[in-house]
N, C-alpha and C. Protein backbone atom coordinates (compact mmCIF):
# COMPACT_ATOMS: atom_id res chain seq x y z
N UNK A 1 -14.88 -44.85 77.70
CA UNK A 1 -14.51 -43.60 77.18
C UNK A 1 -13.30 -43.83 76.29
N UNK A 2 -12.32 -44.68 76.58
CA UNK A 2 -11.26 -45.07 75.73
C UNK A 2 -11.63 -45.58 74.42
N UNK A 3 -12.67 -46.62 74.43
CA UNK A 3 -13.09 -47.15 73.20
C UNK A 3 -13.86 -46.04 72.32
N UNK A 4 -14.58 -45.18 72.92
CA UNK A 4 -15.24 -44.07 72.07
C UNK A 4 -14.20 -43.15 71.46
N UNK A 5 -13.13 -42.81 72.35
CA UNK A 5 -12.20 -41.96 71.72
C UNK A 5 -11.46 -42.64 70.44
N UNK A 6 -11.15 -44.01 70.54
CA UNK A 6 -10.54 -44.67 69.49
C UNK A 6 -11.51 -44.80 68.26
N UNK A 7 -12.71 -45.06 68.58
CA UNK A 7 -13.79 -45.11 67.49
C UNK A 7 -13.92 -43.78 66.89
N UNK A 8 -13.94 -42.71 67.48
CA UNK A 8 -14.15 -41.37 66.96
C UNK A 8 -12.84 -40.98 66.19
N UNK A 9 -11.80 -41.39 66.57
CA UNK A 9 -10.50 -41.05 65.98
C UNK A 9 -10.52 -41.83 64.61
N UNK A 10 -10.90 -43.06 64.51
CA UNK A 10 -11.03 -43.75 63.29
C UNK A 10 -12.10 -43.19 62.26
N UNK A 11 -13.28 -42.80 62.94
CA UNK A 11 -14.35 -42.20 62.15
C UNK A 11 -13.81 -40.83 61.53
N UNK A 12 -13.03 -40.08 62.38
CA UNK A 12 -12.50 -38.73 61.83
C UNK A 12 -11.58 -39.05 60.60
N UNK A 13 -10.74 -40.12 60.83
CA UNK A 13 -9.79 -40.51 59.71
C UNK A 13 -10.70 -40.86 58.41
N UNK A 14 -11.68 -41.64 58.57
CA UNK A 14 -12.55 -42.07 57.67
C UNK A 14 -13.26 -40.89 56.81
N UNK A 15 -13.78 -39.89 57.68
CA UNK A 15 -14.43 -38.81 57.03
C UNK A 15 -13.42 -37.84 56.32
N UNK A 16 -12.25 -37.65 56.72
CA UNK A 16 -11.28 -36.91 55.96
C UNK A 16 -10.81 -37.66 54.62
N UNK A 17 -10.70 -39.06 54.81
CA UNK A 17 -10.35 -39.90 53.64
C UNK A 17 -11.55 -39.79 52.59
N UNK A 18 -12.68 -39.80 53.18
CA UNK A 18 -13.95 -39.96 52.29
C UNK A 18 -14.04 -38.64 51.41
N UNK A 19 -13.65 -37.37 52.19
CA UNK A 19 -13.69 -36.25 51.29
C UNK A 19 -12.64 -36.33 50.25
N UNK A 20 -11.45 -36.77 50.61
CA UNK A 20 -10.47 -36.75 49.53
C UNK A 20 -10.68 -37.68 48.46
N UNK A 21 -11.37 -38.78 48.68
CA UNK A 21 -11.68 -39.91 47.62
C UNK A 21 -13.13 -39.91 47.25
N UNK A 22 -13.84 -38.76 47.51
CA UNK A 22 -15.29 -38.63 47.16
C UNK A 22 -15.94 -40.06 47.39
N UNK A 23 -15.85 -40.44 48.63
CA UNK A 23 -16.32 -41.88 49.03
C UNK A 23 -17.84 -41.65 49.56
N UNK A 24 -18.70 -41.62 48.57
CA UNK A 24 -20.13 -41.31 49.09
C UNK A 24 -20.70 -42.46 49.86
N UNK A 25 -20.24 -43.73 49.49
CA UNK A 25 -20.67 -44.98 50.24
C UNK A 25 -20.42 -44.84 51.79
N UNK A 26 -19.04 -44.45 52.06
CA UNK A 26 -18.66 -44.44 53.29
C UNK A 26 -19.49 -43.30 54.10
N UNK A 27 -19.54 -42.18 53.51
CA UNK A 27 -20.43 -41.06 54.08
C UNK A 27 -21.84 -41.52 54.41
N UNK A 28 -22.44 -42.30 53.52
CA UNK A 28 -23.89 -42.76 53.58
C UNK A 28 -23.87 -43.54 54.88
N UNK A 29 -22.72 -44.29 55.23
CA UNK A 29 -22.70 -45.05 56.46
C UNK A 29 -22.58 -44.33 57.80
N UNK A 30 -21.85 -43.19 57.65
CA UNK A 30 -21.46 -42.49 58.94
C UNK A 30 -22.27 -41.11 59.18
N UNK A 31 -23.11 -40.75 58.29
CA UNK A 31 -23.90 -39.49 58.45
C UNK A 31 -25.25 -39.79 58.99
N UNK A 32 -25.61 -38.97 60.05
CA UNK A 32 -27.08 -39.19 60.55
C UNK A 32 -28.05 -38.67 59.47
N UNK A 33 -29.27 -39.09 59.69
CA UNK A 33 -30.37 -38.78 58.67
C UNK A 33 -30.52 -37.25 58.63
N UNK A 34 -30.31 -36.56 59.84
CA UNK A 34 -30.61 -35.08 59.96
C UNK A 34 -29.27 -34.37 59.79
N UNK A 35 -28.16 -34.85 59.23
CA UNK A 35 -27.02 -34.20 59.04
C UNK A 35 -26.97 -32.88 58.25
N UNK A 36 -26.33 -31.86 58.71
CA UNK A 36 -26.20 -30.56 57.95
C UNK A 36 -24.65 -30.28 57.96
N UNK A 37 -24.11 -29.59 56.77
CA UNK A 37 -22.92 -29.14 56.67
C UNK A 37 -22.91 -27.64 56.23
N UNK A 38 -22.13 -26.73 56.99
CA UNK A 38 -21.81 -25.30 56.61
C UNK A 38 -20.55 -25.41 55.74
N UNK A 39 -20.60 -25.06 54.49
CA UNK A 39 -19.56 -25.09 53.60
C UNK A 39 -18.68 -23.87 53.64
N UNK A 40 -17.49 -23.94 53.22
CA UNK A 40 -16.61 -22.72 53.02
C UNK A 40 -17.18 -21.57 52.31
N UNK A 41 -18.00 -21.85 51.37
CA UNK A 41 -18.68 -20.77 50.57
C UNK A 41 -19.90 -20.18 51.37
N UNK A 42 -20.10 -20.54 52.57
CA UNK A 42 -21.19 -20.15 53.49
C UNK A 42 -22.51 -20.75 53.17
N UNK A 43 -22.60 -21.74 52.17
CA UNK A 43 -23.83 -22.40 51.96
C UNK A 43 -24.00 -23.48 53.23
N UNK A 44 -25.26 -23.76 53.26
CA UNK A 44 -25.70 -24.91 54.29
C UNK A 44 -26.41 -25.91 53.54
N UNK A 45 -25.92 -27.17 53.60
CA UNK A 45 -26.41 -28.29 52.73
C UNK A 45 -26.89 -29.36 53.81
N UNK A 46 -28.06 -29.94 53.48
CA UNK A 46 -28.45 -31.20 54.28
C UNK A 46 -27.73 -32.43 53.75
N UNK A 47 -28.05 -33.53 54.41
CA UNK A 47 -27.39 -34.79 54.04
C UNK A 47 -27.33 -35.19 52.54
N UNK A 48 -28.50 -35.02 51.89
CA UNK A 48 -28.65 -35.32 50.50
C UNK A 48 -27.71 -34.42 49.72
N UNK A 49 -27.77 -33.01 50.03
CA UNK A 49 -26.90 -32.03 49.29
C UNK A 49 -25.48 -32.35 49.55
N UNK A 50 -25.07 -32.84 50.75
CA UNK A 50 -23.63 -33.14 51.07
C UNK A 50 -23.16 -34.31 50.22
N UNK A 51 -24.02 -35.36 50.29
CA UNK A 51 -23.67 -36.59 49.33
C UNK A 51 -23.51 -36.13 47.96
N UNK A 52 -24.34 -35.42 47.48
CA UNK A 52 -24.30 -34.85 46.12
C UNK A 52 -23.06 -34.15 45.81
N UNK A 53 -22.57 -33.29 46.60
CA UNK A 53 -21.49 -32.51 46.57
C UNK A 53 -20.22 -33.43 46.67
N UNK A 54 -20.34 -34.34 47.53
CA UNK A 54 -19.21 -35.32 47.73
C UNK A 54 -18.80 -36.25 46.55
N UNK A 55 -19.91 -36.54 45.84
CA UNK A 55 -19.70 -37.29 44.57
C UNK A 55 -18.85 -36.62 43.51
N UNK A 56 -18.77 -35.43 43.60
CA UNK A 56 -17.92 -34.57 42.65
C UNK A 56 -16.45 -34.70 43.14
N UNK A 57 -15.61 -35.19 42.31
CA UNK A 57 -14.21 -35.48 42.74
C UNK A 57 -13.64 -34.04 43.12
N UNK A 58 -12.81 -34.08 44.23
CA UNK A 58 -12.11 -32.74 44.71
C UNK A 58 -10.83 -32.50 43.94
N UNK A 59 -10.64 -31.33 43.73
CA UNK A 59 -9.30 -31.00 42.98
C UNK A 59 -8.07 -30.88 43.84
N UNK A 60 -8.28 -30.96 45.21
CA UNK A 60 -7.04 -30.90 45.97
C UNK A 60 -6.46 -32.26 46.22
N UNK A 61 -5.34 -32.38 46.68
CA UNK A 61 -4.58 -33.61 46.88
C UNK A 61 -3.99 -33.50 48.28
N UNK A 62 -3.55 -34.68 48.76
CA UNK A 62 -2.83 -34.86 50.00
C UNK A 62 -3.61 -34.26 51.32
N UNK A 63 -4.87 -34.38 51.26
CA UNK A 63 -5.70 -33.74 52.39
C UNK A 63 -5.35 -34.56 53.67
N UNK A 64 -4.92 -33.84 54.70
CA UNK A 64 -4.66 -34.55 55.92
C UNK A 64 -5.14 -33.53 57.03
N UNK A 65 -5.56 -34.26 58.24
CA UNK A 65 -6.04 -33.45 59.36
C UNK A 65 -4.80 -33.47 60.39
N UNK A 66 -4.59 -32.43 61.09
CA UNK A 66 -3.68 -32.29 62.19
C UNK A 66 -4.30 -31.40 63.29
N UNK A 67 -3.63 -31.47 64.42
CA UNK A 67 -4.05 -30.76 65.72
C UNK A 67 -5.47 -31.22 65.90
N UNK A 68 -5.82 -32.36 65.77
CA UNK A 68 -7.12 -32.97 66.13
C UNK A 68 -7.45 -32.82 67.54
N UNK A 69 -8.56 -32.37 67.89
CA UNK A 69 -9.05 -32.35 69.36
C UNK A 69 -10.38 -33.04 69.43
N UNK A 70 -10.59 -34.14 70.19
CA UNK A 70 -11.76 -34.71 70.30
C UNK A 70 -12.34 -34.47 71.69
N UNK A 71 -13.54 -33.87 71.74
CA UNK A 71 -14.23 -33.63 73.05
C UNK A 71 -15.41 -34.54 73.34
N UNK A 72 -15.21 -35.43 74.17
CA UNK A 72 -16.28 -36.41 74.45
C UNK A 72 -17.28 -35.75 75.65
N UNK A 73 -18.63 -35.84 75.31
CA UNK A 73 -19.51 -35.48 76.26
C UNK A 73 -20.63 -36.48 76.31
N UNK A 74 -20.35 -37.58 76.95
CA UNK A 74 -21.42 -38.68 76.96
C UNK A 74 -21.61 -39.24 75.56
N UNK A 75 -22.91 -38.99 75.12
CA UNK A 75 -23.37 -39.53 73.77
C UNK A 75 -23.21 -38.52 72.59
N UNK A 76 -22.35 -37.52 72.96
CA UNK A 76 -22.02 -36.33 72.12
C UNK A 76 -20.56 -36.12 72.03
N UNK A 77 -20.10 -35.76 70.90
CA UNK A 77 -18.69 -35.40 70.77
C UNK A 77 -18.49 -34.29 69.72
N UNK A 78 -17.42 -33.48 69.93
CA UNK A 78 -17.23 -32.45 68.95
C UNK A 78 -15.75 -32.76 68.64
N UNK A 79 -15.29 -32.70 67.29
CA UNK A 79 -13.99 -32.86 66.80
C UNK A 79 -13.62 -31.50 66.10
N UNK A 80 -12.53 -30.93 66.50
CA UNK A 80 -11.93 -29.77 65.93
C UNK A 80 -10.58 -30.11 65.31
N UNK A 81 -10.21 -29.59 64.13
CA UNK A 81 -9.04 -30.00 63.54
C UNK A 81 -8.70 -29.01 62.52
N UNK A 82 -7.41 -29.04 62.22
CA UNK A 82 -6.87 -28.14 61.08
C UNK A 82 -6.61 -29.18 59.93
N UNK A 83 -6.56 -28.60 58.68
CA UNK A 83 -6.27 -29.30 57.53
C UNK A 83 -5.09 -28.69 56.75
N UNK A 84 -4.39 -29.52 56.03
CA UNK A 84 -3.42 -29.26 54.99
C UNK A 84 -3.75 -29.96 53.76
N UNK A 85 -3.42 -29.38 52.65
CA UNK A 85 -3.70 -30.10 51.40
C UNK A 85 -2.91 -29.32 50.24
N UNK A 86 -2.85 -30.00 49.04
CA UNK A 86 -2.20 -29.25 48.02
C UNK A 86 -3.23 -28.87 47.01
N UNK A 87 -3.20 -27.54 46.68
CA UNK A 87 -4.03 -27.01 45.67
C UNK A 87 -3.71 -27.60 44.21
N UNK A 88 -4.71 -27.45 43.32
CA UNK A 88 -4.48 -27.96 41.87
C UNK A 88 -3.22 -27.47 41.30
N UNK A 89 -2.75 -26.16 41.66
CA UNK A 89 -1.65 -25.49 41.10
C UNK A 89 -0.30 -25.89 41.78
N UNK A 90 -0.53 -26.79 42.80
CA UNK A 90 0.70 -27.30 43.57
C UNK A 90 1.02 -26.49 44.77
N UNK A 91 0.37 -25.36 44.92
CA UNK A 91 0.56 -24.51 46.19
C UNK A 91 -0.15 -25.16 47.39
N UNK A 92 0.42 -24.87 48.71
CA UNK A 92 -0.21 -25.58 49.87
C UNK A 92 -1.53 -24.77 50.09
N UNK A 93 -2.44 -25.50 50.76
CA UNK A 93 -3.73 -24.95 51.17
C UNK A 93 -3.93 -25.37 52.69
N UNK A 94 -4.80 -24.78 53.32
CA UNK A 94 -5.11 -25.06 54.79
C UNK A 94 -6.51 -24.63 55.16
N UNK A 95 -7.05 -25.26 56.17
CA UNK A 95 -8.30 -24.86 56.63
C UNK A 95 -8.47 -25.39 58.03
N UNK A 96 -9.71 -25.30 58.53
CA UNK A 96 -10.28 -26.00 59.77
C UNK A 96 -11.58 -26.54 59.52
N UNK A 97 -11.85 -27.49 60.47
CA UNK A 97 -13.28 -27.96 60.54
C UNK A 97 -13.71 -28.25 61.96
N UNK A 98 -14.97 -28.34 62.02
CA UNK A 98 -15.45 -28.79 63.33
C UNK A 98 -16.55 -29.72 63.08
N UNK A 99 -16.53 -30.94 63.46
CA UNK A 99 -17.60 -32.00 63.28
C UNK A 99 -18.22 -32.35 64.65
N UNK A 100 -19.58 -32.50 64.47
CA UNK A 100 -20.39 -32.95 65.73
C UNK A 100 -20.93 -34.30 65.54
N UNK A 101 -20.63 -35.15 66.35
CA UNK A 101 -21.05 -36.54 66.34
C UNK A 101 -22.01 -36.86 67.52
N UNK A 102 -22.91 -37.78 67.34
CA UNK A 102 -23.85 -38.28 68.31
C UNK A 102 -24.06 -39.71 68.25
N UNK A 103 -24.09 -40.25 69.49
CA UNK A 103 -24.35 -41.74 69.54
C UNK A 103 -25.73 -41.93 69.28
N UNK A 104 -26.17 -42.66 68.26
CA UNK A 104 -27.61 -42.92 67.96
C UNK A 104 -27.71 -44.38 67.81
N UNK A 105 -28.56 -45.12 68.62
CA UNK A 105 -28.78 -46.54 68.56
C UNK A 105 -27.47 -47.28 68.69
N UNK A 106 -26.50 -46.81 69.53
CA UNK A 106 -25.29 -47.49 69.80
C UNK A 106 -24.16 -47.20 68.74
N UNK A 107 -24.45 -46.36 67.85
CA UNK A 107 -23.52 -46.07 66.75
C UNK A 107 -23.18 -44.51 66.71
N UNK A 108 -21.85 -44.22 66.58
CA UNK A 108 -21.45 -42.77 66.37
C UNK A 108 -21.90 -42.36 64.96
N UNK A 109 -22.54 -41.30 64.81
CA UNK A 109 -22.90 -40.67 63.65
C UNK A 109 -22.65 -39.25 63.58
N UNK A 110 -22.14 -38.70 62.39
CA UNK A 110 -21.95 -37.23 62.20
C UNK A 110 -23.33 -36.53 62.05
N UNK A 111 -23.54 -35.58 62.78
CA UNK A 111 -24.80 -34.82 62.76
C UNK A 111 -24.57 -33.40 62.24
N UNK A 112 -23.34 -32.91 62.23
CA UNK A 112 -23.14 -31.59 61.75
C UNK A 112 -21.56 -31.41 61.40
N UNK A 113 -21.47 -30.56 60.42
CA UNK A 113 -20.13 -30.19 60.12
C UNK A 113 -20.01 -28.68 59.68
N UNK A 114 -18.73 -28.13 59.98
CA UNK A 114 -18.54 -26.70 59.66
C UNK A 114 -17.16 -26.74 59.03
N UNK A 115 -16.89 -26.23 57.92
CA UNK A 115 -15.69 -26.17 57.21
C UNK A 115 -15.31 -24.83 56.81
N UNK A 116 -14.03 -24.46 57.06
CA UNK A 116 -13.51 -23.16 56.56
C UNK A 116 -12.10 -23.28 55.98
N UNK A 117 -11.92 -22.41 55.16
CA UNK A 117 -10.70 -22.43 54.30
C UNK A 117 -10.03 -21.01 54.33
């Protein structure tokens, strides 16, 4: 369980960094084939749609997660967290996300995400 927690902590950090830096390559490595994401605009995108939207550079800066809670349930995990970032006009922004991870073939992969602002 301790190794799973450390791995999921690292994957969560990678996920947030990949959003900030439009790192499609890293997302391609850590998203399950059947991944879906609920976006803040209430749209639902599949893996291909998520990778396409990730390729567009984000306008926010200094994205960071805090109050991260990782709930391990065997080969399944849920990560809840809050975010802080700087808007393009310099004002602070904040949001929340919930990511769902599943161990598939010995690897943790993101299967679902829900983002709110």
